[in-house]
Amino acid sequence: MEKRSILLVDDESSIRLVLKAVLESVGYSVTTAEDGFVALRSIRNSVPDLLISDLRMPNMNGFELLAVVREKFPKIPVIAISGEFVGDQVQGLLADLFLQKGSYSPQEMLLSIETLIDKPYEERKAAQVSGTSVWAPTGDAALMVTCSECFKSFPLEPCDDQTKKSTEVQCIFCGATLQYRLVAITRAV
């Protein structure tokens, strides 16, 4: 039986090292990447059975990576992890599951991985958020959106209608029409 493959993306080498060891100890084949650009090059070479990604990373962060993965590789199950956000599930995130760093046990993560890898795409697709990821750079109040066509990020103009949950924007670089959703994400203190 072929080992299931996992791509683990995190800028912290200690987290990559520990999670890789845990995952390999139970039989997964694990590839690591330190940011979204390296992850996309890895996916181009070999599409993993599951992606685990941090949200805050240099170069291409997890929000940007998830926007591209959802557009170009929608069948890959995705777990987003972060120590910066709190909550059981960050609503509207382009991931199948959110886990807060330090709030889950290795057994909980392994069970989540097993469940997602074995869940048919059609079942996961029904629960997936569609659209483009909206994110805020660290220390910046501006919201950013990442184009899933050209992979470039640009500031999102504020929406006057706060009741609007979904809207469209044109990419300022390539002109692609992007749909996005505004959701509340709480930062950990």
N, C-alpha and C. Protein backbone atom coordinates (compact mmCIF):
# COMPACT_ATOMS: atom_id res chain seq x y z
N MET A 1 0.83 -1.18 0.00
CA MET A 1 0.00 0.00 0.00
C MET A 1 0.88 1.24 0.00
N GLU A 2 0.57 2.19 -0.90
CA GLU A 2 1.35 3.41 -1.02
C GLU A 2 1.05 4.36 0.14
N LYS A 3 2.09 4.99 0.67
CA LYS A 3 1.91 5.95 1.76
C LYS A 3 1.15 7.17 1.27
N ARG A 4 0.27 7.69 2.10
CA ARG A 4 -0.42 8.94 1.80
C ARG A 4 0.56 10.08 2.00
N SER A 5 0.49 11.08 1.13
CA SER A 5 1.45 12.18 1.18
C SER A 5 0.82 13.45 1.78
N ILE A 6 1.62 14.15 2.56
CA ILE A 6 1.21 15.40 3.19
C ILE A 6 2.26 16.45 2.89
N LEU A 7 1.79 17.65 2.50
CA LEU A 7 2.68 18.79 2.35
C LEU A 7 2.46 19.69 3.55
N LEU A 8 3.50 19.90 4.32
CA LEU A 8 3.46 20.70 5.55
C LEU A 8 4.17 22.02 5.29
N VAL A 9 3.43 23.14 5.44
CA VAL A 9 3.98 24.46 5.13
C VAL A 9 3.97 25.32 6.39
N ASP A 10 5.15 25.70 6.84
CA ASP A 10 5.28 26.55 8.03
C ASP A 10 6.64 27.20 8.00
N ASP A 11 6.72 28.49 8.35
CA ASP A 11 8.00 29.18 8.34
C ASP A 11 8.85 28.85 9.56
N GLU A 12 8.27 28.24 10.58
CA GLU A 12 9.03 27.87 11.78
C GLU A 12 9.61 26.46 11.60
N SER A 13 10.93 26.39 11.51
CA SER A 13 11.59 25.11 11.25
C SER A 13 11.32 24.08 12.36
N SER A 14 11.19 24.54 13.61
CA SER A 14 10.94 23.60 14.71
C SER A 14 9.56 22.94 14.55
N ILE A 15 8.57 23.70 14.09
CA ILE A 15 7.24 23.12 13.88
C ILE A 15 7.28 22.14 12.72
N ARG A 16 7.97 22.51 11.63
CA ARG A 16 8.09 21.58 10.51
C ARG A 16 8.76 20.28 10.95
N LEU A 17 9.82 20.40 11.72
CA LEU A 17 10.58 19.23 12.17
C LEU A 17 9.72 18.31 13.06
N VAL A 18 9.05 18.89 14.05
CA VAL A 18 8.25 18.09 15.00
C VAL A 18 7.04 17.46 14.32
N LEU A 19 6.27 18.27 13.56
CA LEU A 19 5.09 17.72 12.89
C LEU A 19 5.47 16.67 11.86
N LYS A 20 6.55 16.89 11.14
CA LYS A 20 7.01 15.91 10.16
C LYS A 20 7.33 14.59 10.86
N ALA A 21 8.03 14.64 11.98
CA ALA A 21 8.38 13.42 12.72
C ALA A 21 7.13 12.70 13.21
N VAL A 22 6.16 13.45 13.73
CA VAL A 22 4.91 12.84 14.21
C VAL A 22 4.17 12.16 13.06
N LEU A 23 4.04 12.87 11.95
CA LEU A 23 3.30 12.34 10.81
C LEU A 23 4.00 11.13 10.18
N GLU A 24 5.32 11.19 10.06
CA GLU A 24 6.05 10.06 9.50
C GLU A 24 6.02 8.85 10.42
N SER A 25 5.93 9.08 11.75
CA SER A 25 5.90 7.97 12.70
C SER A 25 4.64 7.11 12.56
N VAL A 26 3.59 7.68 11.97
CA VAL A 26 2.36 6.91 11.77
C VAL A 26 2.17 6.51 10.30
N GLY A 27 3.21 6.71 9.49
CA GLY A 27 3.18 6.17 8.14
C GLY A 27 2.93 7.12 6.99
N TYR A 28 2.82 8.42 7.25
CA TYR A 28 2.63 9.37 6.15
C TYR A 28 3.96 9.74 5.52
N SER A 29 3.95 10.02 4.24
CA SER A 29 5.10 10.57 3.54
C SER A 29 4.95 12.09 3.60
N VAL A 30 5.94 12.80 4.16
CA VAL A 30 5.79 14.22 4.42
C VAL A 30 6.86 15.02 3.68
N THR A 31 6.39 16.04 2.96
CA THR A 31 7.26 17.02 2.32
C THR A 31 7.01 18.33 3.05
N THR A 32 8.06 19.13 3.24
CA THR A 32 7.89 20.40 3.95
C THR A 32 8.26 21.57 3.04
N ALA A 33 7.69 22.73 3.39
CA ALA A 33 7.99 23.98 2.69
C ALA A 33 7.93 25.10 3.71
N GLU A 34 8.76 26.13 3.52
CA GLU A 34 8.82 27.23 4.49
C GLU A 34 7.92 28.40 4.13
N ASP A 35 7.33 28.40 2.94
CA ASP A 35 6.38 29.46 2.58
C ASP A 35 5.52 28.99 1.41
N GLY A 36 4.58 29.81 1.00
CA GLY A 36 3.64 29.44 -0.04
C GLY A 36 4.28 29.23 -1.40
N PHE A 37 5.31 30.03 -1.74
CA PHE A 37 5.97 29.86 -3.03
C PHE A 37 6.63 28.49 -3.14
N VAL A 38 7.33 28.10 -2.09
CA VAL A 38 7.99 26.79 -2.08
C VAL A 38 6.93 25.68 -2.12
N ALA A 39 5.82 25.89 -1.42
CA ALA A 39 4.73 24.90 -1.42
C ALA A 39 4.15 24.72 -2.82
N LEU A 40 3.92 25.82 -3.53
CA LEU A 40 3.36 25.71 -4.89
C LEU A 40 4.31 25.00 -5.84
N ARG A 41 5.62 25.26 -5.70
CA ARG A 41 6.59 24.51 -6.53
C ARG A 41 6.52 23.03 -6.21
N SER A 42 6.36 22.70 -4.93
CA SER A 42 6.27 21.30 -4.52
C SER A 42 5.00 20.65 -5.09
N ILE A 43 3.88 21.37 -5.03
CA ILE A 43 2.61 20.83 -5.55
C ILE A 43 2.71 20.62 -7.06
N ARG A 44 3.41 21.51 -7.74
CA ARG A 44 3.59 21.36 -9.19
C ARG A 44 4.32 20.06 -9.51
N ASN A 45 5.26 19.67 -8.66
CA ASN A 45 6.02 18.43 -8.86
C ASN A 45 5.23 17.19 -8.46
N SER A 46 4.44 17.30 -7.39
CA SER A 46 3.68 16.16 -6.88
C SER A 46 2.53 16.66 -6.02
N VAL A 47 1.30 16.38 -6.44
CA VAL A 47 0.13 16.84 -5.70
C VAL A 47 -0.04 15.96 -4.46
N PRO A 48 -0.04 16.58 -3.27
CA PRO A 48 -0.17 15.79 -2.03
C PRO A 48 -1.61 15.33 -1.80
N ASP A 49 -1.76 14.36 -0.92
CA ASP A 49 -3.09 13.90 -0.51
C ASP A 49 -3.73 14.87 0.47
N LEU A 50 -2.91 15.70 1.15
CA LEU A 50 -3.41 16.67 2.11
C LEU A 50 -2.38 17.77 2.29
N LEU A 51 -2.86 19.00 2.53
CA LEU A 51 -1.99 20.15 2.77
C LEU A 51 -2.26 20.69 4.17
N ILE A 52 -1.20 20.92 4.93
CA ILE A 52 -1.29 21.59 6.23
C ILE A 52 -0.47 22.86 6.09
N SER A 53 -1.12 24.01 6.34
CA SER A 53 -0.41 25.28 6.16
C SER A 53 -0.63 26.25 7.31
N ASP A 54 0.47 26.87 7.71
CA ASP A 54 0.41 28.00 8.63
C ASP A 54 -0.22 29.16 7.85
N LEU A 55 -0.76 30.15 8.56
CA LEU A 55 -1.36 31.30 7.89
C LEU A 55 -0.40 32.48 7.77
N ARG A 56 0.46 32.68 8.77
CA ARG A 56 1.39 33.81 8.76
C ARG A 56 2.78 33.32 8.42
N MET A 57 3.24 33.67 7.22
CA MET A 57 4.58 33.30 6.77
C MET A 57 5.11 34.43 5.89
N PRO A 58 6.43 34.52 5.75
CA PRO A 58 6.98 35.55 4.85
C PRO A 58 6.77 35.13 3.38
N ASN A 59 7.06 36.03 2.50
CA ASN A 59 6.95 35.82 1.06
C ASN A 59 5.49 35.60 0.67
N MET A 60 5.06 34.38 0.47
CA MET A 60 3.65 34.09 0.19
C MET A 60 3.08 33.44 1.44
N ASN A 61 2.14 34.13 2.10
CA ASN A 61 1.58 33.60 3.34
C ASN A 61 0.52 32.53 3.08
N GLY A 62 -0.02 31.98 4.15
CA GLY A 62 -1.00 30.91 4.03
C GLY A 62 -2.31 31.34 3.40
N PHE A 63 -2.74 32.58 3.64
CA PHE A 63 -3.97 33.07 3.01
C PHE A 63 -3.82 33.09 1.50
N GLU A 64 -2.67 33.58 1.03
CA GLU A 64 -2.41 33.61 -0.41
C GLU A 64 -2.31 32.20 -0.97
N LEU A 65 -1.59 31.34 -0.27
CA LEU A 65 -1.44 29.96 -0.71
C LEU A 65 -2.79 29.26 -0.82
N LEU A 66 -3.64 29.43 0.19
CA LEU A 66 -4.94 28.76 0.16
C LEU A 66 -5.82 29.28 -0.97
N ALA A 67 -5.71 30.56 -1.30
CA ALA A 67 -6.48 31.11 -2.42
C ALA A 67 -6.08 30.42 -3.72
N VAL A 68 -4.79 30.21 -3.91
CA VAL A 68 -4.30 29.56 -5.13
C VAL A 68 -4.68 28.08 -5.14
N VAL A 69 -4.48 27.42 -4.01
CA VAL A 69 -4.79 25.98 -3.93
C VAL A 69 -6.27 25.72 -4.18
N ARG A 70 -7.15 26.52 -3.59
CA ARG A 70 -8.59 26.32 -3.79
C ARG A 70 -8.98 26.52 -5.26
N GLU A 71 -8.29 27.45 -5.94
CA GLU A 71 -8.60 27.73 -7.35
C GLU A 71 -8.01 26.67 -8.27
N LYS A 72 -6.74 26.34 -8.07
CA LYS A 72 -6.02 25.47 -9.00
C LYS A 72 -6.03 23.99 -8.62
N PHE A 73 -6.15 23.69 -7.33
CA PHE A 73 -6.11 22.30 -6.85
C PHE A 73 -7.23 22.08 -5.84
N PRO A 74 -8.49 22.25 -6.23
CA PRO A 74 -9.59 22.23 -5.25
C PRO A 74 -9.80 20.89 -4.54
N LYS A 75 -9.27 19.82 -5.09
CA LYS A 75 -9.51 18.50 -4.47
C LYS A 75 -8.56 18.19 -3.31
N ILE A 76 -7.54 19.03 -3.12
CA ILE A 76 -6.61 18.80 -2.01
C ILE A 76 -7.29 19.20 -0.70
N PRO A 77 -7.42 18.27 0.26
CA PRO A 77 -7.93 18.65 1.57
C PRO A 77 -6.91 19.56 2.26
N VAL A 78 -7.40 20.59 2.97
CA VAL A 78 -6.52 21.59 3.56
C VAL A 78 -6.82 21.78 5.04
N ILE A 79 -5.76 21.76 5.86
CA ILE A 79 -5.85 22.14 7.27
C ILE A 79 -5.00 23.39 7.44
N ALA A 80 -5.61 24.46 7.95
CA ALA A 80 -4.88 25.69 8.25
C ALA A 80 -4.55 25.69 9.74
N ILE A 81 -3.32 26.08 10.06
CA ILE A 81 -2.91 26.18 11.46
C ILE A 81 -2.33 27.57 11.70
N SER A 82 -2.55 28.08 12.90
CA SER A 82 -1.99 29.38 13.24
C SER A 82 -2.01 29.57 14.74
N GLY A 83 -1.02 30.25 15.25
CA GLY A 83 -1.01 30.64 16.65
C GLY A 83 -1.53 32.05 16.84
N GLU A 84 -1.78 32.73 15.73
CA GLU A 84 -2.20 34.13 15.78
C GLU A 84 -3.72 34.29 15.89
N PHE A 85 -4.46 33.28 15.54
CA PHE A 85 -5.92 33.37 15.55
C PHE A 85 -6.50 32.39 16.56
N VAL A 86 -7.71 32.68 17.03
CA VAL A 86 -8.37 31.81 18.01
C VAL A 86 -9.72 31.36 17.47
N GLY A 87 -10.23 30.30 18.06
CA GLY A 87 -11.54 29.80 17.67
C GLY A 87 -11.44 28.38 17.17
N ASP A 88 -12.56 27.66 17.25
CA ASP A 88 -12.57 26.29 16.77
C ASP A 88 -12.45 26.23 15.27
N GLN A 89 -13.04 27.18 14.58
CA GLN A 89 -13.01 27.22 13.12
C GLN A 89 -13.06 28.68 12.71
N VAL A 90 -12.10 29.11 11.94
CA VAL A 90 -12.12 30.46 11.42
C VAL A 90 -13.06 30.45 10.23
N GLN A 91 -14.25 31.01 10.39
CA GLN A 91 -15.26 30.96 9.35
C GLN A 91 -14.82 31.73 8.12
N GLY A 92 -15.06 31.15 6.97
CA GLY A 92 -14.74 31.81 5.72
C GLY A 92 -13.33 31.55 5.23
N LEU A 93 -12.51 30.88 6.00
CA LEU A 93 -11.16 30.56 5.58
C LEU A 93 -11.22 29.50 4.50
N LEU A 94 -10.37 29.60 3.50
CA LEU A 94 -10.38 28.64 2.40
C LEU A 94 -9.66 27.36 2.79
N ALA A 95 -10.13 26.73 3.85
CA ALA A 95 -9.57 25.48 4.35
C ALA A 95 -10.71 24.60 4.84
N ASP A 96 -10.43 23.30 4.91
CA ASP A 96 -11.44 22.36 5.40
C ASP A 96 -11.50 22.36 6.92
N LEU A 97 -10.40 22.75 7.56
CA LEU A 97 -10.33 22.73 9.02
C LEU A 97 -9.30 23.75 9.48
N PHE A 98 -9.57 24.41 10.61
CA PHE A 98 -8.62 25.32 11.23
C PHE A 98 -8.25 24.77 12.60
N LEU A 99 -6.94 24.72 12.91
CA LEU A 99 -6.45 24.32 14.22
C LEU A 99 -5.54 25.42 14.76
N GLN A 100 -5.81 25.85 15.99
CA GLN A 100 -4.96 26.85 16.62
C GLN A 100 -3.72 26.17 17.18
N LYS A 101 -2.55 26.68 16.84
CA LYS A 101 -1.31 26.11 17.35
C LYS A 101 -1.34 26.08 18.86
N GLY A 102 -0.94 24.96 19.42
CA GLY A 102 -0.88 24.81 20.86
C GLY A 102 -2.19 24.41 21.51
N SER A 103 -3.28 24.34 20.74
CA SER A 103 -4.56 24.00 21.36
C SER A 103 -5.07 22.61 20.95
N TYR A 104 -4.26 21.86 20.24
CA TYR A 104 -4.67 20.52 19.83
C TYR A 104 -3.56 19.52 20.18
N SER A 105 -3.97 18.30 20.41
CA SER A 105 -3.00 17.24 20.70
C SER A 105 -2.59 16.58 19.39
N PRO A 106 -1.46 15.89 19.38
CA PRO A 106 -1.07 15.16 18.16
C PRO A 106 -2.17 14.16 17.74
N GLN A 107 -2.84 13.54 18.71
CA GLN A 107 -3.90 12.58 18.37
C GLN A 107 -5.06 13.28 17.67
N GLU A 108 -5.42 14.50 18.13
CA GLU A 108 -6.50 15.25 17.48
C GLU A 108 -6.13 15.60 16.05
N MET A 109 -4.89 16.02 15.84
CA MET A 109 -4.45 16.34 14.48
C MET A 109 -4.47 15.11 13.60
N LEU A 110 -3.96 14.00 14.11
CA LEU A 110 -3.93 12.77 13.31
C LEU A 110 -5.34 12.30 12.95
N LEU A 111 -6.27 12.41 13.88
CA LEU A 111 -7.66 12.04 13.60
C LEU A 111 -8.25 12.98 12.54
N SER A 112 -7.97 14.26 12.64
CA SER A 112 -8.45 15.22 11.65
C SER A 112 -7.90 14.91 10.27
N ILE A 113 -6.62 14.59 10.19
CA ILE A 113 -5.98 14.24 8.91
C ILE A 113 -6.63 13.00 8.32
N GLU A 114 -6.77 11.97 9.15
CA GLU A 114 -7.38 10.72 8.69
C GLU A 114 -8.79 10.96 8.16
N THR A 115 -9.56 11.75 8.87
CA THR A 115 -10.94 12.04 8.46
C THR A 115 -10.96 12.80 7.14
N LEU A 116 -10.13 13.82 6.99
CA LEU A 116 -10.13 14.62 5.76
C LEU A 116 -9.61 13.85 4.56
N ILE A 117 -8.55 13.07 4.74
CA ILE A 117 -7.99 12.32 3.62
C ILE A 117 -9.00 11.30 3.10
N ASP A 118 -9.76 10.69 4.02
CA ASP A 118 -10.70 9.66 3.62
C ASP A 118 -12.06 10.19 3.17
N LYS A 119 -12.35 11.46 3.46
CA LYS A 119 -13.65 12.03 3.08
C LYS A 119 -13.67 12.31 1.59
N PRO A 120 -14.68 11.82 0.88
CA PRO A 120 -14.77 12.08 -0.56
C PRO A 120 -14.83 13.58 -0.86
N TYR A 121 -14.24 13.97 -1.98
CA TYR A 121 -14.19 15.37 -2.37
C TYR A 121 -15.59 15.99 -2.44
N GLU A 122 -16.55 15.25 -2.94
CA GLU A 122 -17.91 15.78 -3.08
C GLU A 122 -18.48 16.20 -1.73
N GLU A 123 -18.20 15.45 -0.67
CA GLU A 123 -18.67 15.81 0.67
C GLU A 123 -17.94 17.05 1.19
N ARG A 124 -16.65 17.10 0.97
CA ARG A 124 -15.88 18.27 1.42
C ARG A 124 -16.25 19.50 0.63
N LYS A 125 -16.50 19.33 -0.67
CA LYS A 125 -16.82 20.46 -1.53
C LYS A 125 -18.09 21.17 -1.07
N ALA A 126 -19.07 20.42 -0.61
CA ALA A 126 -20.33 21.01 -0.17
C ALA A 126 -20.12 21.96 1.01
N ALA A 127 -19.12 21.69 1.83
CA ALA A 127 -18.87 22.51 3.02
C ALA A 127 -17.81 23.59 2.78
N GLN A 128 -17.14 23.53 1.63
CA GLN A 128 -16.05 24.47 1.37
C GLN A 128 -16.55 25.87 1.09
N VAL A 129 -15.76 26.82 1.53
CA VAL A 129 -15.99 28.22 1.20
C VAL A 129 -15.39 28.44 -0.18
N SER A 130 -16.12 29.12 -1.03
CA SER A 130 -15.57 29.44 -2.33
C SER A 130 -15.22 30.91 -2.36
N GLY A 131 -14.40 31.27 -3.31
CA GLY A 131 -14.03 32.67 -3.44
C GLY A 131 -12.56 32.87 -3.19
N THR A 132 -12.19 34.10 -2.98
CA THR A 132 -10.81 34.49 -2.80
C THR A 132 -10.58 34.85 -1.34
N SER A 133 -9.43 34.49 -0.83
CA SER A 133 -9.11 34.77 0.55
C SER A 133 -8.79 36.25 0.74
N VAL A 134 -9.34 36.82 1.80
CA VAL A 134 -9.04 38.19 2.18
C VAL A 134 -8.23 38.12 3.47
N TRP A 135 -7.14 38.87 3.57
CA TRP A 135 -6.27 38.77 4.72
C TRP A 135 -5.66 40.13 5.03
N ALA A 136 -5.10 40.24 6.22
CA ALA A 136 -4.47 41.49 6.65
C ALA A 136 -3.01 41.23 7.01
N PRO A 137 -2.09 41.97 6.40
CA PRO A 137 -0.68 41.80 6.76
C PRO A 137 -0.46 42.16 8.22
N THR A 138 0.51 41.53 8.85
CA THR A 138 0.82 41.79 10.25
C THR A 138 1.14 43.27 10.44
N GLY A 139 0.49 43.87 11.44
CA GLY A 139 0.75 45.26 11.76
C GLY A 139 0.13 46.26 10.82
N ASP A 140 -0.74 45.80 9.91
CA ASP A 140 -1.35 46.69 8.94
C ASP A 140 -2.86 46.59 9.04
N ALA A 141 -3.54 47.69 8.97
CA ALA A 141 -5.00 47.68 9.06
C ALA A 141 -5.65 47.40 7.72
N ALA A 142 -4.90 47.53 6.62
CA ALA A 142 -5.47 47.32 5.28
C ALA A 142 -5.76 45.85 5.04
N LEU A 143 -6.89 45.57 4.40
CA LEU A 143 -7.20 44.21 3.99
C LEU A 143 -6.61 43.98 2.61
N MET A 144 -6.12 42.79 2.39
CA MET A 144 -5.52 42.43 1.11
C MET A 144 -6.31 41.29 0.50
N VAL A 145 -6.28 41.20 -0.82
CA VAL A 145 -6.90 40.09 -1.54
C VAL A 145 -5.83 39.56 -2.50
N THR A 146 -5.81 38.25 -2.70
CA THR A 146 -4.84 37.63 -3.59
C THR A 146 -5.55 37.08 -4.81
N CYS A 147 -5.10 37.47 -5.98
CA CYS A 147 -5.70 37.00 -7.23
C CYS A 147 -5.31 35.55 -7.46
N SER A 148 -6.30 34.70 -7.70
CA SER A 148 -6.02 33.30 -7.94
C SER A 148 -5.60 33.04 -9.38
N GLU A 149 -5.61 34.08 -10.22
CA GLU A 149 -5.16 33.93 -11.60
C GLU A 149 -3.69 34.31 -11.76
N CYS A 150 -3.32 35.51 -11.29
CA CYS A 150 -1.93 35.97 -11.45
C CYS A 150 -1.10 35.82 -10.17
N PHE A 151 -1.77 35.45 -9.05
CA PHE A 151 -1.13 35.20 -7.76
C PHE A 151 -0.53 36.45 -7.11
N LYS A 152 -0.97 37.63 -7.54
CA LYS A 152 -0.49 38.87 -6.93
C LYS A 152 -1.52 39.37 -5.93
N SER A 153 -1.04 40.04 -4.90
CA SER A 153 -1.92 40.57 -3.85
C SER A 153 -2.03 42.08 -3.98
N PHE A 154 -3.19 42.61 -3.60
CA PHE A 154 -3.42 44.04 -3.66
C PHE A 154 -4.41 44.44 -2.58
N PRO A 155 -4.39 45.72 -2.17
CA PRO A 155 -5.30 46.16 -1.10
C PRO A 155 -6.76 46.13 -1.57
N LEU A 156 -7.62 45.77 -0.66
CA LEU A 156 -9.05 45.72 -0.93
C LEU A 156 -9.66 47.03 -0.46
N GLU A 157 -10.40 47.67 -1.31
CA GLU A 157 -11.07 48.91 -0.94
C GLU A 157 -12.16 48.60 0.07
N PRO A 158 -12.33 49.44 1.10
CA PRO A 158 -13.36 49.18 2.11
C PRO A 158 -14.76 49.15 1.48
N CYS A 159 -15.59 48.27 2.00
CA CYS A 159 -16.96 48.13 1.54
C CYS A 159 -17.86 48.97 2.44
N ASP A 160 -18.66 49.84 1.84
CA ASP A 160 -19.56 50.70 2.63
C ASP A 160 -20.69 49.91 3.26
N ASP A 161 -21.12 48.84 2.62
CA ASP A 161 -22.26 48.06 3.09
C ASP A 161 -21.77 46.91 3.96
N GLN A 162 -21.78 47.08 5.28
CA GLN A 162 -21.28 46.06 6.20
C GLN A 162 -22.15 44.81 6.25
N THR A 163 -23.36 44.87 5.70
CA THR A 163 -24.22 43.70 5.70
C THR A 163 -23.90 42.79 4.52
N LYS A 164 -23.10 43.27 3.60
CA LYS A 164 -22.73 42.50 2.42
C LYS A 164 -21.74 41.41 2.83
N LYS A 165 -22.07 40.16 2.59
CA LYS A 165 -21.19 39.07 3.00
C LYS A 165 -20.30 38.59 1.87
N SER A 166 -20.68 38.85 0.63
CA SER A 166 -19.91 38.40 -0.51
C SER A 166 -19.96 39.47 -1.58
N THR A 167 -18.85 39.67 -2.26
CA THR A 167 -18.81 40.67 -3.30
C THR A 167 -17.73 40.32 -4.32
N GLU A 168 -17.58 41.16 -5.32
CA GLU A 168 -16.59 40.94 -6.37
C GLU A 168 -15.64 42.12 -6.45
N VAL A 169 -14.46 41.87 -6.97
CA VAL A 169 -13.46 42.91 -7.20
C VAL A 169 -12.65 42.49 -8.43
N GLN A 170 -12.19 43.49 -9.18
CA GLN A 170 -11.33 43.23 -10.33
C GLN A 170 -9.88 43.25 -9.86
N CYS A 171 -9.08 42.28 -10.29
CA CYS A 171 -7.65 42.28 -9.98
C CYS A 171 -7.02 43.50 -10.65
N ILE A 172 -6.24 44.26 -9.90
CA ILE A 172 -5.62 45.46 -10.44
C ILE A 172 -4.45 45.12 -11.37
N PHE A 173 -4.00 43.86 -11.36
CA PHE A 173 -2.88 43.46 -12.19
C PHE A 173 -3.31 42.80 -13.50
N CYS A 174 -4.23 41.82 -13.41
CA CYS A 174 -4.59 41.07 -14.62
C CYS A 174 -6.05 41.27 -15.04
N GLY A 175 -6.84 41.95 -14.21
CA GLY A 175 -8.23 42.22 -14.57
C GLY A 175 -9.21 41.10 -14.28
N ALA A 176 -8.75 40.00 -13.72
CA ALA A 176 -9.65 38.88 -13.40
C ALA A 176 -10.71 39.32 -12.39
N THR A 177 -11.91 38.78 -12.53
CA THR A 177 -12.97 39.06 -11.57
C THR A 177 -12.86 38.06 -10.43
N LEU A 178 -12.75 38.57 -9.21
CA LEU A 178 -12.60 37.72 -8.03
C LEU A 178 -13.79 37.91 -7.11
N GLN A 179 -14.31 36.82 -6.59
CA GLN A 179 -15.34 36.90 -5.57
C GLN A 179 -14.66 36.68 -4.23
N TYR A 180 -15.05 37.47 -3.24
CA TYR A 180 -14.48 37.30 -1.92
C TYR A 180 -15.58 37.43 -0.89
N ARG A 181 -15.27 36.94 0.31
CA ARG A 181 -16.19 37.03 1.45
C ARG A 181 -15.48 37.69 2.59
N LEU A 182 -16.15 38.63 3.25
CA LEU A 182 -15.58 39.24 4.44
C LEU A 182 -16.10 38.48 5.66
N VAL A 183 -15.17 38.07 6.50
CA VAL A 183 -15.52 37.33 7.71
C VAL A 183 -14.72 37.88 8.87
N ALA A 184 -15.18 37.61 10.06
CA ALA A 184 -14.46 38.06 11.25
C ALA A 184 -13.48 36.99 11.67
N ILE A 185 -12.23 37.40 11.88
CA ILE A 185 -11.18 36.52 12.38
C ILE A 185 -10.62 37.20 13.63
N THR A 186 -10.54 36.48 14.71
CA THR A 186 -10.06 37.05 15.96
C THR A 186 -8.58 36.68 16.15
N ARG A 187 -7.77 37.69 16.39
CA ARG A 187 -6.35 37.45 16.65
C ARG A 187 -6.15 37.03 18.11
N ALA A 188 -5.23 36.12 18.32
CA ALA A 188 -4.89 35.73 19.68
C ALA A 188 -4.13 36.89 20.33
N VAL A 189 -4.30 37.07 21.61
CA VAL A 189 -3.64 38.18 22.31
C VAL A 189 -2.27 37.76 22.76
